[in-house]
Amino acid sequence: MSSLAFDAHQSAQSILAVQTEYGAIPWWPGGQLDVWNHVESAMALDACGFAREAEAAYRWLAAIQRTDGAWCAAYVDGRPTDATLDA
C-alpha cells in the first residue's frame, strides 16, 4: 500500500471511529457535528471504499433535513444545538 493510500485509509478509520450507529459523523465521539463536515466525511468514506457507511451518513442527513430543505448549523445526538440555518 502506498503512503498516500495508507494515509487515506487511516483517515477513513478515524471517521469510522466516531460515526454513530445512526450514520451521524460528529467532530469527536459524542460531540457536535455540522452538515458541511458531515458530508465531507461521508464523501471521504465513499472514496476510501466504505460505501455502506457513507450511505448511512447520507440517510441520516436526509432524515434530519428540515421541510424547507435546510439544516441547522450544529447538532449533538441528532438534536439541533444551533438553530442558525445552513443550506
C-alpha atoms as a PDB file:
ATOM      1  CA  MET A   1       0.000   0.000   0.000  1.00  0.00           C
ATOM      2  CA  SER A   2       1.398   3.402  -0.935  1.00  0.00           C
ATOM      3  CA  SER A   3       1.916   6.084   1.673  1.00  0.00           C
ATOM      4  CA  LEU A   4      -0.981   8.107   0.249  1.00  0.00           C
ATOM      5  CA  ALA A   5      -3.317   5.097   0.283  1.00  0.00           C
ATOM      6  CA  PHE A   6      -2.238   4.299   3.840  1.00  0.00           C
ATOM      7  CA  ASP A   7      -2.927   7.885   4.928  1.00  0.00           C
ATOM      8  CA  ALA A   8      -6.372   7.824   3.273  1.00  0.00           C
ATOM      9  CA  HIS A   9      -7.202   4.511   4.943  1.00  0.00           C
ATOM     10  CA  GLN A  10      -6.089   5.848   8.337  1.00  0.00           C
ATOM     11  CA  SER A  11      -8.265   8.937   7.843  1.00  0.00           C
ATOM     12  CA  ALA A  12     -11.252   6.759   6.960  1.00  0.00           C
ATOM     13  CA  GLN A  13     -10.650   4.666  10.072  1.00  0.00           C
ATOM     14  CA  SER A  14     -10.669   7.845  12.176  1.00  0.00           C
ATOM     15  CA  ILE A  15     -14.004   8.853  10.676  1.00  0.00           C
ATOM     16  CA  LEU A  16     -15.462   5.385  11.235  1.00  0.00           C
ATOM     17  CA  ALA A  17     -14.343   5.514  14.868  1.00  0.00           C
ATOM     18  CA  VAL A  18     -16.662   8.470  15.554  1.00  0.00           C
ATOM     19  CA  GLN A  19     -19.580   7.581  13.246  1.00  0.00           C
ATOM     20  CA  THR A  20     -22.695   6.736  15.244  1.00  0.00           C
ATOM     21  CA  GLU A  21     -24.882   3.702  14.722  1.00  0.00           C
ATOM     22  CA  TYR A  22     -27.385   6.035  13.010  1.00  0.00           C
ATOM     23  CA  GLY A  23     -24.816   7.275  10.493  1.00  0.00           C
ATOM     24  CA  ALA A  24     -24.063  10.690  12.015  1.00  0.00           C
ATOM     25  CA  ILE A  25     -20.393  11.730  11.922  1.00  0.00           C
ATOM     26  CA  PRO A  26     -19.630  14.124  14.788  1.00  0.00           C
ATOM     27  CA  TRP A  27     -16.366  16.016  15.238  1.00  0.00           C
ATOM     28  CA  TRP A  28     -15.454  13.749  18.165  1.00  0.00           C
ATOM     29  CA  PRO A  29     -17.212  10.830  19.896  1.00  0.00           C
ATOM     30  CA  GLY A  30     -20.443  12.164  21.385  1.00  0.00           C
ATOM     31  CA  GLY A  31     -19.658  15.675  20.138  1.00  0.00           C
ATOM     32  CA  GLN A  32     -21.324  18.091  17.816  1.00  0.00           C
ATOM     33  CA  LEU A  33     -21.434  17.960  14.066  1.00  0.00           C
ATOM     34  CA  ASP A  34     -22.207  20.360  11.291  1.00  0.00           C
ATOM     35  CA  VAL A  35     -23.669  19.364   7.953  1.00  0.00           C
ATOM     36  CA  TRP A  36     -20.699  20.585   5.887  1.00  0.00           C
ATOM     37  CA  ASN A  37     -18.122  18.472   7.739  1.00  0.00           C
ATOM     38  CA  HIS A  38     -20.554  15.556   7.955  1.00  0.00           C
ATOM     39  CA  VAL A  39     -20.919  15.469   4.152  1.00  0.00           C
ATOM     40  CA  GLU A  40     -17.169  15.887   3.598  1.00  0.00           C
ATOM     41  CA  SER A  41     -16.565  12.936   5.931  1.00  0.00           C
ATOM     42  CA  ALA A  42     -19.197  10.821   4.180  1.00  0.00           C
ATOM     43  CA  MET A  43     -17.591  11.546   0.804  1.00  0.00           C
ATOM     44  CA  ALA A  44     -14.200  10.557   2.223  1.00  0.00           C
ATOM     45  CA  LEU A  45     -15.652   7.263   3.410  1.00  0.00           C
ATOM     46  CA  ASP A  46     -17.115   6.633  -0.031  1.00  0.00           C
ATOM     47  CA  ALA A  47     -13.822   7.483  -1.754  1.00  0.00           C
ATOM     48  CA  CYS A  48     -11.989   5.058   0.553  1.00  0.00           C
ATOM     49  CA  GLY A  49     -14.320   2.170  -0.226  1.00  0.00           C
ATOM     50  CA  PHE A  50     -16.700   2.395   2.726  1.00  0.00           C
ATOM     51  CA  ALA A  51     -19.854   2.830   0.638  1.00  0.00           C
ATOM     52  CA  ARG A  52     -22.219   1.265   3.190  1.00  0.00           C
ATOM     53  CA  GLU A  53     -21.035   3.613   5.929  1.00  0.00           C
ATOM     54  CA  ALA A  54     -21.197   6.615   3.585  1.00  0.00           C
ATOM     55  CA  GLU A  55     -24.757   5.678   2.623  1.00  0.00           C
ATOM     56  CA  ALA A  56     -25.707   5.542   6.313  1.00  0.00           C
ATOM     57  CA  ALA A  57     -24.321   9.072   6.697  1.00  0.00           C
ATOM     58  CA  TYR A  58     -26.365  10.321   3.727  1.00  0.00           C
ATOM     59  CA  ARG A  59     -29.533   8.631   5.044  1.00  0.00           C
ATOM     60  CA  TRP A  60     -29.024  10.277   8.445  1.00  0.00           C
ATOM     61  CA  LEU A  61     -28.631  13.635   6.722  1.00  0.00           C
ATOM     62  CA  ALA A  62     -31.863  13.164   4.764  1.00  0.00           C
ATOM     63  CA  ALA A  63     -33.691  12.131   7.936  1.00  0.00           C
ATOM     64  CA  ILE A  64     -32.826  15.348   9.777  1.00  0.00           C
ATOM     65  CA  GLN A  65     -33.359  17.728   6.847  1.00  0.00           C
ATOM     66  CA  ARG A  66     -35.955  20.388   7.535  1.00  0.00           C
ATOM     67  CA  THR A  67     -39.086  20.585   5.397  1.00  0.00           C
ATOM     68  CA  ASP A  68     -37.767  23.813   3.823  1.00  0.00           C
ATOM     69  CA  GLY A  69     -34.664  21.929   2.615  1.00  0.00           C
ATOM     70  CA  ALA A  70     -32.205  23.429   5.105  1.00  0.00           C
ATOM     71  CA  TRP A  71     -30.356  22.021   8.084  1.00  0.00           C
ATOM     72  CA  CYS A  72     -29.476  23.594  11.399  1.00  0.00           C
ATOM     73  CA  ALA A  73     -25.888  24.759  11.820  1.00  0.00           C
ATOM     74  CA  ALA A  74     -24.988  22.229  14.536  1.00  0.00           C
ATOM     75  CA  TYR A  75     -26.316  19.005  16.044  1.00  0.00           C
ATOM     76  CA  VAL A  76     -25.490  16.804  19.017  1.00  0.00           C
ATOM     77  CA  ASP A  77     -27.048  13.341  19.220  1.00  0.00           C
ATOM     78  CA  GLY A  78     -29.304  14.231  16.285  1.00  0.00           C
ATOM     79  CA  ARG A  79     -30.767  17.279  18.019  1.00  0.00           C
ATOM     80  CA  PRO A  80     -30.112  20.828  16.816  1.00  0.00           C
ATOM     81  CA  THR A  81     -27.860  22.842  19.119  1.00  0.00           C
ATOM     82  CA  ASP A  82     -27.573  25.873  16.818  1.00  0.00           C
ATOM     83  CA  ALA A  83     -30.784  26.760  15.004  1.00  0.00           C
ATOM     84  CA  THR A  84     -28.986  29.018  12.513  1.00  0.00           C
ATOM     85  CA  LEU A  85     -29.899  27.615   9.112  1.00  0.00           C
ATOM     86  CA  ASP A  86     -27.388  26.008   6.787  1.00  0.00           C
ATOM     87  CA  ALA A  87     -28.383  25.303   3.197  1.00  0.00           C
END
